[in-house]
Amino acid sequence: MASDIAIAQQATLKRINEVAATVGIGDEHLEPYGHYKAKVSLSYAESLATRPDGKLILVTAISPTPAGEGKTTTTVGLGDALNKIGKKAIICLREPSLGPVFGMKGGAAGGGYAQVVPMEDINLHFTGDFNAIALANNLLAALLDNHIHHGNALGIDVRRIAWKRVVDMNDRALRDIVVSLGGPGNGFPRQDGFDIVVASEVMAIFCLATSLKDLKERLGNIVVGYTRDQKAVRARDLKAHGAMTVLLKDALAPNLVQTLENNPAFIHGGPFANIAHGCNSVIATKTALKLADYVVTEAGFGADLGAEKFIDIKCRKSGLRPDAVVIVATIRALKYHGGIDLKELNNENLPALEKGMANLERHVKNVREVYGLPCVVSINRFNADTPAELELLRNKMGVLNVPVILATHWADGGAGATDVARAVVEIIDRGQNNFRFVYEDSAPLWEKIRTIATNVYGAADISADSKVRGQIKKLQDDGYGHYPVCVAKTQYSFSTDPSLRGAPSGHMVNIREVRLAAGAEFIVMVCGDIMTMPGLPKVPSSERIDLDENGKVVGLF
């Protein structure tokens, strides 16, 4: 079978105004970026407010493995399948970050015959949203240092600056740096660092904002540092939020593209789920819900990270409520969770599969019993999957009374996911939805993360050194206790140790660092060894990316 990029480049695309017309968006509401992508105006999105909402389907997955699961591919395939069975459906995805595109993962626009296109544009610069977010973030950093250089009228303590610069690339050398070297004209030297763009609070604000007015208010609330007497200094104190909003005003309009089957797709915003809240923009999701009967969206990584943050942060802040959840898995990935080496995954191994199913079972339990949502398990089928393995999986999940549906959308497009689509429509129609948050707003910050760790991760308890405990107590005392928490931890395990596969229990979750995101209105708890500026692997994906003799991009995925 051809590579993903070859399939995408051979696709017959419709002009974006034709795609928009299928859901009633007129040309006058589009700002085209070429022939095949466009922004939908914010004024048009706001005009849809009185329309009823469609049904919201959340796609999540087991804990990711090197074997691959195909969550984005399933989101795309399910959207195409819903349209194929006669439902009006739109998908909502995050924009890919250049960090993983050139790093370990490669492209992030689906795969096989379940992709969003134009694939090269989406995976690379797209409509410039990430660039705008980086510029807004770094403008604030520049204004902060400039204020200190020109007399520091706000009395900012240079030892207590909390705002980092960002770049949309994995660059470990920038994690911890010293800035302002070279003499008095360059400012006051201090320790600083970079995060990747997707970890920026500006990205989180961008994805949670409901309007330009809300965006500006949230940007103004960003805490950039503290005075010597511990008084918070905000972006509005630096008069930065107006200019930041100007940089972001065009980016805030959602991006419209299409699937390989010419169905509409919103791709907007892109925080990672292991270091941020892992969901596309509220504006895109709400717009899609006004235009379609069914909206399929995804939350990053496993249901312990992306789905939990989708519920406890995005839904809590926006009023959105999912109607059903699809949990994506593969036989290969489950065998990996059962302890099998990557090279052995194509061989039948029932004991390993049974052991690895503990990971899937816990995710199902969390979705149904902790989040209170009905779910379907979608298995991305591989040729190496044996009848015995599939029977074992169905039998084990049958005990939990969870539908297990085989899907072949990677090879067959929407036609390969119609069984999943029908199953999802059926469980939505049953109306057995007891949606709930993992914790209440009123719970103290320490108890919020303990509840996530014990109820979702299967941990025995949480821990932190005295400094971090003191920081959490101060945030509680300063009035931030009602904020939700955003856990930054490895995506590869329920624990903070990426090597612990399956469903580890009884472990400790250590909180290494705590960060206030006052504009996004959540508290980031950094756990284990997770980094908010990733590094490149020994052999980065960029080594395969090139232009061929005809000027076509090759090796992207």
Protein backbone atom coordinates (compact mmCIF):
# COMPACT_ATOMS: atom_id res chain seq x y z
CA MET A 1 0.00 0.00 0.00
CA ALA A 2 1.22 3.53 -0.75
CA SER A 3 2.55 5.77 2.02
CA ASP A 4 0.21 8.16 3.79
CA ILE A 5 1.65 11.17 2.01
CA ALA A 6 1.40 9.45 -1.39
CA ILE A 7 -2.27 8.63 -0.73
CA ALA A 8 -2.93 12.23 0.31
CA GLN A 9 -1.16 13.64 -2.75
CA GLN A 10 -3.21 11.41 -5.08
CA ALA A 11 -6.53 12.48 -3.55
CA THR A 12 -9.14 14.45 -5.47
CA LEU A 13 -9.86 17.49 -3.34
CA LYS A 14 -12.88 19.73 -3.62
CA ARG A 15 -12.47 23.49 -3.40
CA ILE A 16 -13.03 24.54 0.17
CA ASN A 17 -16.14 26.60 -0.62
CA GLU A 18 -17.79 23.42 -1.96
CA VAL A 19 -16.94 21.57 1.24
CA ALA A 20 -18.25 24.47 3.33
CA ALA A 21 -21.49 24.52 1.36
CA THR A 22 -22.29 20.93 2.45
CA VAL A 23 -22.87 22.23 5.99
CA GLY A 24 -24.42 25.54 4.94
CA ILE A 25 -21.43 27.88 5.21
CA GLY A 26 -21.59 30.51 2.45
CA ASP A 27 -18.59 31.93 0.59
CA GLU A 28 -18.99 35.27 2.34
CA HIS A 29 -18.12 33.62 5.68
CA LEU A 30 -14.84 32.12 4.44
CA GLU A 31 -11.35 33.54 4.32
CA PRO A 32 -9.61 31.14 1.89
CA TYR A 33 -5.96 30.19 2.27
CA GLY A 34 -5.51 28.92 -1.26
CA HIS A 35 -8.07 26.55 -2.80
CA TYR A 36 -8.35 23.86 -0.14
CA LYS A 37 -8.31 25.46 3.29
CA ALA A 38 -10.01 28.45 4.82
CA LYS A 39 -10.84 30.19 8.05
CA VAL A 40 -14.50 30.52 9.02
CA SER A 41 -15.24 34.02 10.29
CA LEU A 42 -15.79 34.50 14.01
CA SER A 43 -18.85 36.65 13.34
CA TYR A 44 -20.46 33.77 11.45
CA ALA A 45 -19.59 31.33 14.25
CA GLU A 46 -21.18 33.68 16.77
CA SER A 47 -24.32 34.01 14.60
CA LEU A 48 -24.98 30.28 15.06
CA ALA A 49 -25.52 30.59 18.83
CA THR A 50 -29.29 30.04 18.77
CA ARG A 51 -29.11 26.80 16.78
CA PRO A 52 -29.45 23.49 18.64
CA ASP A 53 -26.32 21.43 19.22
CA GLY A 54 -25.58 18.12 17.55
CA LYS A 55 -24.24 15.10 19.41
CA LEU A 56 -20.60 15.15 20.57
CA ILE A 57 -18.47 11.99 20.24
CA LEU A 58 -15.10 11.87 21.99
CA VAL A 59 -12.40 9.58 20.57
CA THR A 60 -9.72 8.53 23.05
CA ALA A 61 -7.43 5.51 23.36
CA ILE A 62 -5.47 3.10 25.50
CA SER A 63 -2.07 4.24 26.77
CA PRO A 64 0.00 4.81 23.61
CA THR A 65 2.72 2.40 22.54
CA PRO A 66 5.40 2.28 19.83
CA ALA A 67 3.12 -0.23 18.08
CA GLY A 68 0.61 2.54 17.35
CA GLU A 69 -3.12 2.78 18.04
CA GLY A 70 -4.54 5.16 15.39
CA LYS A 71 -6.68 7.59 17.38
CA THR A 72 -6.61 10.43 14.85
CA THR A 73 -7.10 7.93 12.04
CA THR A 74 -10.17 6.60 13.87
CA THR A 75 -11.54 10.12 14.39
CA VAL A 76 -11.29 10.78 10.66
CA GLY A 77 -12.60 7.34 9.68
CA LEU A 78 -15.54 7.61 12.08
CA GLY A 79 -16.48 11.03 10.73
CA ASP A 80 -16.44 9.68 7.18
CA ALA A 81 -18.39 6.59 8.28
CA LEU A 82 -21.12 8.66 9.92
CA ASN A 83 -21.53 10.62 6.70
CA LYS A 84 -21.56 7.36 4.75
CA ILE A 85 -24.49 5.98 6.80
CA GLY A 86 -26.49 9.15 6.17
CA LYS A 87 -25.64 11.32 9.16
CA LYS A 88 -24.38 14.88 8.85
CA ALA A 89 -21.02 14.79 10.64
CA ILE A 90 -18.01 17.07 11.12
CA ILE A 91 -14.70 16.16 12.74
CA CYS A 92 -12.66 18.45 15.01
CA LEU A 93 -8.92 17.85 15.42
CA ARG A 94 -5.89 19.60 16.83
CA GLU A 95 -3.27 21.17 14.60
CA PRO A 96 0.01 19.23 14.51
CA SER A 97 3.10 20.72 16.15
CA LEU A 98 6.32 20.87 14.15
CA GLY A 99 8.14 19.37 17.14
CA PRO A 100 6.84 15.82 16.67
CA VAL A 101 6.52 16.24 12.88
CA PHE A 102 10.30 16.63 12.65
CA GLY A 103 11.00 14.61 15.79
CA MET A 104 9.79 11.13 16.68
CA LYS A 105 6.20 10.91 15.49
CA GLY A 106 6.12 12.34 11.97
CA GLY A 107 2.88 13.77 10.55
CA ALA A 108 -0.37 13.89 12.51
CA ALA A 109 -3.25 14.13 10.04
CA GLY A 110 -4.58 10.57 10.20
CA GLY A 111 -3.30 7.76 8.02
CA GLY A 112 -4.02 5.48 5.10
CA TYR A 113 -7.44 6.27 3.62
CA ALA A 114 -8.62 8.07 6.75
CA GLN A 115 -6.77 11.38 6.50
CA VAL A 116 -7.41 15.10 6.48
CA VAL A 117 -6.03 17.04 3.54
CA PRO A 118 -4.08 18.96 2.27
CA MET A 119 -1.82 16.81 4.43
CA GLU A 120 1.46 18.68 3.84
CA ASP A 121 -0.08 22.05 4.66
CA ILE A 122 -1.77 20.78 7.82
CA ASN A 123 1.43 19.17 9.11
CA LEU A 124 3.67 22.12 8.31
CA HIS A 125 2.80 25.85 8.52
CA PHE A 126 -0.94 25.45 7.84
CA THR A 127 -2.64 28.85 8.36
CA GLY A 128 0.03 30.26 10.68
CA ASP A 129 -1.88 29.82 13.96
CA PHE A 130 1.07 28.36 15.87
CA ASN A 131 3.32 31.15 14.63
CA ALA A 132 0.81 33.73 15.93
CA ILE A 133 0.66 31.97 19.30
CA ALA A 134 4.46 31.88 19.56
CA LEU A 135 4.70 35.58 18.64
CA ALA A 136 2.10 36.57 21.22
CA ASN A 137 3.87 34.52 23.89
CA ASN A 138 7.29 35.94 23.04
CA LEU A 139 6.00 39.51 22.75
CA LEU A 140 4.95 39.22 26.38
CA ALA A 141 8.39 37.87 27.31
CA ALA A 142 10.10 40.75 25.46
CA LEU A 143 7.85 43.36 27.09
CA LEU A 144 8.56 41.86 30.49
CA ASP A 145 12.34 42.09 30.10
CA ASN A 146 12.01 45.52 28.52
CA HIS A 147 10.02 46.79 31.49
CA ILE A 148 12.71 45.60 33.88
CA HIS A 149 15.45 47.17 31.74
CA HIS A 150 13.73 50.56 31.72
CA GLY A 151 13.47 51.02 35.46
CA ASN A 152 11.14 48.21 36.61
CA ALA A 153 8.35 50.49 37.82
CA LEU A 154 6.27 47.48 38.85
CA GLY A 155 9.02 46.23 41.16
CA ILE A 156 9.24 42.77 39.53
CA ASP A 157 11.61 40.44 41.36
CA VAL A 158 13.89 39.02 38.63
CA ARG A 159 14.27 35.87 40.76
CA ARG A 160 10.54 35.24 40.54
CA ILE A 161 9.81 35.58 36.81
CA ALA A 162 7.39 32.84 35.76
CA TRP A 163 7.04 33.49 32.01
CA LYS A 164 9.07 31.49 29.47
CA ARG A 165 9.67 31.96 25.79
CA VAL A 166 8.49 29.30 23.31
CA VAL A 167 9.44 27.79 19.96
CA ASP A 168 7.52 25.17 17.95
CA MET A 169 10.40 22.72 17.76
CA ASN A 170 11.90 20.08 20.01
CA ASP A 171 15.12 21.72 21.21
CA ARG A 172 16.50 20.41 24.50
CA ALA A 173 19.34 22.97 24.48
CA LEU A 174 16.80 25.72 25.18
CA ARG A 175 15.26 24.15 28.29
CA ASP A 176 17.48 26.08 30.68
CA ILE A 177 19.43 29.09 29.46
CA VAL A 178 20.78 32.47 30.59
CA VAL A 179 19.48 35.58 28.84
CA SER A 180 20.58 39.22 28.65
CA LEU A 181 24.34 38.60 28.59
CA GLY A 182 26.60 41.20 26.99
CA GLY A 183 26.41 44.25 29.22
CA PRO A 184 23.91 46.84 30.53
CA GLY A 185 22.41 47.57 27.13
CA ASN A 186 21.06 44.04 26.91
CA GLY A 187 19.20 44.04 30.21
CA PHE A 188 19.76 42.16 33.46
CA PRO A 189 21.18 38.63 33.12
CA ARG A 190 18.95 35.90 34.55
CA GLN A 191 18.18 32.23 34.20
CA ASP A 192 15.37 31.56 31.73
CA GLY A 193 14.15 28.81 29.41
CA PHE A 194 11.95 27.82 26.50
CA ASP A 195 8.87 25.61 26.32
CA ILE A 196 7.46 24.16 23.12
CA VAL A 197 4.58 26.27 21.71
CA VAL A 198 1.98 23.62 22.52
CA ALA A 199 2.87 23.93 26.23
CA SER A 200 2.43 27.71 26.25
CA GLU A 201 -0.34 29.13 28.38
CA VAL A 202 -1.21 31.26 25.35
CA MET A 203 -2.02 28.02 23.48
CA ALA A 204 -4.27 26.89 26.33
CA ILE A 205 -6.00 30.29 26.45
CA PHE A 206 -6.40 30.25 22.66
CA CYS A 207 -8.13 26.87 22.80
CA LEU A 208 -10.39 27.72 25.76
CA ALA A 209 -11.41 31.26 24.71
CA THR A 210 -14.98 31.69 23.48
CA SER A 211 -14.56 35.08 21.77
CA LEU A 212 -12.02 37.83 21.10
CA LYS A 213 -13.25 39.63 24.22
CA ASP A 214 -12.76 36.50 26.32
CA LEU A 215 -9.35 35.94 24.71
CA LYS A 216 -8.18 39.45 25.64
CA GLU A 217 -9.48 39.11 29.21
CA ARG A 218 -7.69 35.80 29.69
CA LEU A 219 -4.44 37.09 28.19
CA GLY A 220 -4.54 40.02 30.59
CA ASN A 221 -4.86 37.62 33.53
CA ILE A 222 -1.58 35.83 32.76
CA VAL A 223 0.76 36.02 35.77
CA VAL A 224 4.27 36.70 34.45
CA GLY A 225 6.06 37.02 37.78
CA TYR A 226 5.98 38.41 41.30
CA THR A 227 7.28 41.39 43.26
CA ARG A 228 9.55 40.97 46.26
CA ASP A 229 6.51 40.97 48.54
CA GLN A 230 4.93 38.17 46.46
CA LYS A 231 2.37 40.34 44.67
CA ALA A 232 1.41 38.86 41.27
CA VAL A 233 2.33 40.86 38.16
CA ARG A 234 0.02 40.24 35.22
CA ALA A 235 0.20 40.79 31.48
CA ARG A 236 -2.32 43.64 31.80
CA ASP A 237 0.05 45.39 34.23
CA LEU A 238 2.55 45.47 31.37
CA LYS A 239 -0.18 46.65 28.97
CA ALA A 240 0.65 43.62 26.82
CA HIS A 241 -2.73 41.93 26.36
CA GLY A 242 -4.08 44.30 23.73
CA ALA A 243 -1.18 43.79 21.35
CA MET A 244 -1.20 40.04 22.06
CA THR A 245 -4.86 39.91 21.07
CA VAL A 246 -4.08 41.77 17.84
CA LEU A 247 -1.51 39.10 16.96
CA LEU A 248 -4.09 36.37 17.62
CA LYS A 249 -7.27 37.90 16.18
CA ASP A 250 -7.06 36.21 12.78
CA ALA A 251 -5.76 32.93 14.19
CA LEU A 252 -8.76 32.60 16.52
CA ALA A 253 -11.10 31.95 13.57
CA PRO A 254 -11.37 28.15 13.12
CA ASN A 255 -9.72 26.41 10.15
CA LEU A 256 -11.82 24.38 7.73
CA VAL A 257 -10.34 21.59 5.59
CA GLN A 258 -11.63 18.21 4.35
CA THR A 259 -11.13 14.49 4.67
CA LEU A 260 -10.07 12.28 1.77
CA GLU A 261 -13.80 11.65 1.26
CA ASN A 262 -14.42 15.41 1.01
CA ASN A 263 -16.24 15.71 4.34
CA PRO A 264 -15.69 18.89 6.41
CA ALA A 265 -13.09 18.98 9.18
CA PHE A 266 -12.20 21.75 11.63
CA ILE A 267 -8.54 21.70 12.68
CA HIS A 268 -7.79 24.41 15.22
CA GLY A 269 -5.41 24.75 18.16
CA GLY A 270 -3.11 22.05 19.41
CA PRO A 271 -2.01 21.70 23.04
CA PHE A 272 -0.30 18.38 23.86
CA ALA A 273 -2.14 16.18 26.35
CA ASN A 274 0.97 15.01 28.23
CA ILE A 275 2.12 18.57 29.08
CA ALA A 276 -1.04 20.63 28.44
CA HIS A 277 -4.79 19.99 28.17
CA GLY A 278 -4.79 18.17 24.84
CA CYS A 279 -7.93 19.41 23.06
CA ASN A 280 -8.73 21.45 19.96
CA SER A 281 -10.34 24.88 20.39
CA VAL A 282 -13.68 25.40 22.09
CA ILE A 283 -14.65 27.75 19.24
CA ALA A 284 -14.12 25.04 16.60
CA THR A 285 -16.02 22.40 18.58
CA LYS A 286 -18.95 24.69 19.34
CA THR A 287 -19.14 25.88 15.73
CA ALA A 288 -19.17 22.30 14.45
CA LEU A 289 -21.94 21.34 16.89
CA LYS A 290 -24.17 24.06 15.41
CA LEU A 291 -23.56 22.84 11.86
CA ALA A 292 -23.79 19.05 12.15
CA ASP A 293 -25.88 16.30 13.74
CA TYR A 294 -22.74 14.55 14.99
CA VAL A 295 -19.32 15.98 15.81
CA VAL A 296 -16.34 13.67 16.30
CA THR A 297 -13.41 15.07 18.24
CA GLU A 298 -10.35 13.60 19.91
CA ALA A 299 -8.43 14.13 23.11
CA GLY A 300 -4.71 13.45 23.11
CA PHE A 301 -3.08 10.19 24.18
CA GLY A 302 -4.87 7.75 26.53
CA ALA A 303 -8.15 8.28 28.37
CA ASP A 304 -6.22 8.92 31.60
CA LEU A 305 -4.71 12.09 30.13
CA GLY A 306 -6.57 13.59 27.17
CA ALA A 307 -10.06 12.41 28.07
CA GLU A 308 -9.69 13.42 31.73
CA LYS A 309 -8.56 16.91 30.73
CA PHE A 310 -11.25 17.13 28.04
CA ILE A 311 -13.80 16.53 30.79
CA ASP A 312 -12.28 18.33 33.76
CA ILE A 313 -10.91 21.35 31.88
CA LYS A 314 -12.52 21.81 28.45
CA CYS A 315 -16.03 20.65 29.39
CA ARG A 316 -15.94 22.35 32.79
CA LYS A 317 -14.94 25.68 31.23
CA SER A 318 -17.13 25.56 28.12
CA GLY A 319 -20.31 23.74 29.09
CA LEU A 320 -19.67 21.07 26.43
CA ARG A 321 -20.84 17.54 27.26
CA PRO A 322 -19.86 14.41 25.27
CA ASP A 323 -22.65 12.00 24.38
CA ALA A 324 -20.44 8.95 23.82
CA VAL A 325 -16.80 7.88 23.87
CA VAL A 326 -14.84 5.67 21.47
CA ILE A 327 -11.76 4.00 22.96
CA VAL A 328 -9.23 3.02 20.30
CA ALA A 329 -6.91 0.03 20.64
CA THR A 330 -5.05 -2.53 18.55
CA ILE A 331 -4.23 -6.16 19.27
CA ARG A 332 -0.57 -5.32 18.71
CA ALA A 333 -0.59 -2.49 21.26
CA LEU A 334 -2.38 -4.62 23.84
CA LYS A 335 0.24 -7.36 23.44
CA TYR A 336 2.92 -4.71 23.95
CA HIS A 337 1.20 -3.74 27.21
CA GLY A 338 1.38 -7.43 28.05
CA GLY A 339 5.18 -7.20 27.99
CA ILE A 340 6.03 -8.42 24.50
CA ASP A 341 8.93 -6.96 22.54
CA LEU A 342 8.09 -4.88 19.47
CA LYS A 343 9.69 -7.44 17.13
CA GLU A 344 7.31 -10.17 18.38
CA LEU A 345 4.01 -8.31 18.05
CA ASN A 346 3.00 -9.95 14.76
CA ASN A 347 3.11 -13.40 16.37
CA GLU A 348 0.00 -14.78 18.09
CA ASN A 349 0.43 -14.55 21.86
CA LEU A 350 -2.76 -15.05 23.85
CA PRO A 351 -1.17 -14.81 27.34
CA ALA A 352 0.43 -11.47 26.47
CA LEU A 353 -2.82 -10.19 24.99
CA GLU A 354 -4.78 -11.20 28.07
CA LYS A 355 -2.23 -9.54 30.35
CA GLY A 356 -2.14 -6.38 28.25
CA MET A 357 -5.92 -6.06 28.21
CA ALA A 358 -5.66 -4.77 31.77
CA ASN A 359 -4.74 -1.41 30.22
CA LEU A 360 -7.86 -1.33 28.07
CA GLU A 361 -10.05 -2.54 30.93
CA ARG A 362 -8.92 0.27 33.19
CA HIS A 363 -9.54 2.89 30.50
CA VAL A 364 -13.03 1.45 29.94
CA LYS A 365 -13.66 1.47 33.70
CA ASN A 366 -12.53 5.10 33.94
CA VAL A 367 -14.71 6.24 31.04
CA ARG A 368 -17.81 4.46 32.32
CA GLU A 369 -17.46 4.59 36.10
CA VAL A 370 -15.35 7.69 36.75
CA TYR A 371 -16.48 9.92 33.85
CA GLY A 372 -19.96 8.36 33.66
CA LEU A 373 -20.01 8.04 29.87
CA PRO A 374 -21.13 5.20 27.57
CA CYS A 375 -18.36 3.83 25.35
CA VAL A 376 -17.49 1.60 22.43
CA VAL A 377 -14.11 -0.06 21.86
CA SER A 378 -12.86 0.31 18.29
CA ILE A 379 -10.10 -2.12 17.28
CA ASN A 380 -7.95 -1.02 14.37
CA ARG A 381 -7.51 -4.33 12.55
CA PHE A 382 -4.11 -5.54 11.34
CA ASN A 383 -3.53 -8.46 8.97
CA ALA A 384 -1.50 -10.22 11.68
CA ASP A 385 -4.43 -10.27 14.14
CA THR A 386 -5.57 -13.89 14.54
CA PRO A 387 -9.13 -15.20 15.06
CA ALA A 388 -8.12 -16.55 18.47
CA GLU A 389 -6.81 -13.15 19.57
CA LEU A 390 -9.95 -11.37 18.41
CA GLU A 391 -12.16 -13.94 20.15
CA LEU A 392 -10.23 -13.55 23.41
CA LEU A 393 -10.60 -9.78 23.26
CA ARG A 394 -14.34 -9.96 22.59
CA ASN A 395 -14.86 -12.47 25.40
CA LYS A 396 -12.92 -10.43 27.94
CA MET A 397 -14.67 -7.18 27.03
CA GLY A 398 -18.01 -8.98 26.85
CA VAL A 399 -17.78 -9.54 30.59
CA LEU A 400 -17.77 -5.74 30.94
CA ASN A 401 -20.72 -5.47 28.51
CA VAL A 402 -18.76 -3.13 26.22
CA PRO A 403 -19.20 -3.38 22.42
CA VAL A 404 -15.95 -4.28 20.63
CA ILE A 405 -16.04 -3.33 16.96
CA LEU A 406 -13.40 -4.16 14.36
CA ALA A 407 -12.50 -1.29 12.04
CA THR A 408 -10.52 -1.16 8.79
CA HIS A 409 -10.80 2.53 7.93
CA TRP A 410 -7.01 2.84 7.48
CA ALA A 411 -7.32 0.60 4.42
CA ASP A 412 -10.97 1.16 3.46
CA GLY A 413 -11.78 4.72 4.49
CA GLY A 414 -15.21 5.49 5.93
CA ALA A 415 -16.59 2.15 4.69
CA GLY A 416 -14.25 0.39 7.11
CA ALA A 417 -15.73 2.17 10.15
CA THR A 418 -19.48 2.01 9.44
CA ASP A 419 -19.96 -0.67 12.12
CA VAL A 420 -18.33 1.64 14.65
CA ALA A 421 -20.52 4.51 13.47
CA ARG A 422 -23.72 2.48 13.88
CA ALA A 423 -22.66 1.28 17.33
CA VAL A 424 -21.93 4.83 18.48
CA VAL A 425 -25.26 6.14 17.17
CA GLU A 426 -27.00 3.28 18.97
CA ILE A 427 -25.42 3.98 22.36
CA ILE A 428 -26.15 7.70 21.99
CA ASP A 429 -29.77 6.93 21.20
CA ARG A 430 -30.02 4.83 24.37
CA GLY A 431 -29.33 7.99 26.38
CA GLN A 432 -27.43 6.21 29.17
CA ASN A 433 -25.20 9.16 29.92
CA ASN A 434 -24.27 9.97 33.52
CA PHE A 435 -21.56 12.52 32.74
CA ARG A 436 -19.62 13.79 35.73
CA PHE A 437 -16.35 15.49 36.55
CA VAL A 438 -13.61 13.60 38.36
CA TYR A 439 -13.63 16.15 41.20
CA GLU A 440 -15.65 19.14 42.33
CA ASP A 441 -14.56 22.76 41.89
CA SER A 442 -14.68 23.19 45.66
CA ALA A 443 -12.12 20.45 46.38
CA PRO A 444 -8.67 21.75 47.45
CA LEU A 445 -5.93 21.59 44.82
CA TRP A 446 -4.07 18.83 46.68
CA GLU A 447 -7.21 16.71 46.83
CA LYS A 448 -7.96 17.31 43.14
CA ILE A 449 -4.71 15.80 41.96
CA ARG A 450 -4.92 13.04 44.58
CA THR A 451 -8.38 12.13 43.27
CA ILE A 452 -7.09 11.95 39.69
CA ALA A 453 -4.08 9.88 40.77
CA THR A 454 -6.03 7.38 42.85
CA ASN A 455 -9.30 7.16 40.88
CA VAL A 456 -7.91 7.40 37.32
CA TYR A 457 -4.24 6.34 37.50
CA GLY A 458 -4.70 3.59 40.09
CA ALA A 459 -2.06 5.18 42.33
CA ALA A 460 -1.79 4.65 46.08
CA ASP A 461 -1.19 8.34 46.76
CA ILE A 462 0.63 11.48 45.65
CA SER A 463 3.79 13.06 47.00
CA ALA A 464 5.75 16.31 46.73
CA ASP A 465 8.69 17.91 48.49
CA SER A 466 8.15 20.69 51.00
CA LYS A 467 8.81 23.43 48.43
CA VAL A 468 6.14 22.16 46.02
CA ARG A 469 3.69 21.56 48.89
CA GLY A 470 4.28 25.13 49.97
CA GLN A 471 3.62 26.43 46.44
CA ILE A 472 0.37 24.48 46.20
CA LYS A 473 -0.72 25.79 49.61
CA LYS A 474 0.08 29.36 48.56
CA LEU A 475 -1.95 28.99 45.35
CA GLN A 476 -4.81 27.66 47.45
CA ASP A 477 -4.50 30.54 49.92
CA ASP A 478 -4.25 33.12 47.11
CA GLY A 479 -7.69 32.16 45.78
CA TYR A 480 -6.84 29.73 42.98
CA GLY A 481 -8.16 26.66 44.76
CA HIS A 482 -11.30 26.50 42.61
CA TYR A 483 -9.23 26.02 39.44
CA PRO A 484 -9.01 22.57 37.83
CA VAL A 485 -5.62 20.87 37.66
CA CYS A 486 -3.77 19.96 34.47
CA VAL A 487 -1.44 17.03 35.09
CA ALA A 488 1.75 16.94 33.03
CA LYS A 489 3.06 13.38 33.03
CA THR A 490 4.23 10.61 30.73
CA GLN A 491 1.59 9.38 28.29
CA TYR A 492 3.01 5.87 28.17
CA SER A 493 1.83 4.63 31.54
CA PHE A 494 -0.82 5.14 34.19
CA SER A 495 2.16 5.80 36.46
CA THR A 496 4.87 8.44 36.09
CA ASP A 497 7.32 5.75 34.93
CA PRO A 498 7.01 5.31 31.13
CA SER A 499 8.41 1.78 31.34
CA LEU A 500 5.50 0.47 33.44
CA ARG A 501 3.11 -0.99 30.87
CA GLY A 502 -0.34 -2.45 31.37
CA ALA A 503 -2.26 -1.15 34.38
CA PRO A 504 0.15 -0.58 37.28
CA SER A 505 -1.43 -0.01 40.67
CA GLY A 506 -0.29 1.15 44.08
CA HIS A 507 2.38 3.51 42.74
CA MET A 508 3.14 7.01 43.99
CA VAL A 509 2.62 10.05 41.77
CA ASN A 510 5.27 12.61 42.63
CA ILE A 511 4.56 16.27 41.84
CA ARG A 512 7.87 17.78 40.79
CA GLU A 513 6.74 21.28 39.90
CA VAL A 514 3.61 23.41 39.98
CA ARG A 515 2.74 26.26 37.60
CA LEU A 516 -0.09 28.77 37.73
CA ALA A 517 -1.94 29.35 34.44
CA ALA A 518 -4.18 32.21 35.60
CA GLY A 519 -5.33 33.15 32.09
CA ALA A 520 -6.21 29.58 31.15
CA GLU A 521 -7.63 29.19 34.66
CA PHE A 522 -5.97 25.95 35.68
CA ILE A 523 -2.98 24.78 37.72
CA VAL A 524 -0.32 22.69 35.95
CA MET A 525 1.09 19.88 38.09
CA VAL A 526 4.31 18.55 36.53
CA CYS A 527 4.86 14.93 37.56
CA GLY A 528 7.78 12.54 37.15
CA ASP A 529 10.38 13.32 34.51
CA ILE A 530 8.07 14.89 31.91
CA MET A 531 9.53 17.87 30.04
CA THR A 532 7.63 20.87 28.68
CA MET A 533 10.36 21.21 26.05
CA PRO A 534 10.86 17.78 24.43
CA GLY A 535 14.10 16.71 22.78
CA LEU A 536 14.70 15.14 19.38
CA PRO A 537 15.36 11.38 19.16
CA LYS A 538 18.66 9.92 17.93
CA VAL A 539 17.17 9.54 14.43
CA PRO A 540 14.61 12.33 14.01
CA SER A 541 11.81 12.13 11.44
CA SER A 542 13.32 15.18 9.73
CA GLU A 543 16.01 12.94 8.22
CA ARG A 544 13.35 11.36 5.97
CA ILE A 545 11.59 14.59 4.98
CA ASP A 546 12.63 16.14 1.68
CA LEU A 547 11.47 17.42 -1.71
CA ASP A 548 11.64 15.11 -4.72
CA GLU A 549 12.80 16.19 -8.19
CA ASN A 550 9.27 17.45 -8.94
CA GLY A 551 9.10 19.64 -5.86
CA LYS A 552 6.75 17.32 -3.92
CA VAL A 553 7.19 16.77 -0.19
CA VAL A 554 8.26 13.20 0.61
CA GLY A 555 8.87 11.31 3.84
CA LEU A 556 6.45 13.36 5.92
CA PHE A 557 4.58 10.24 7.05
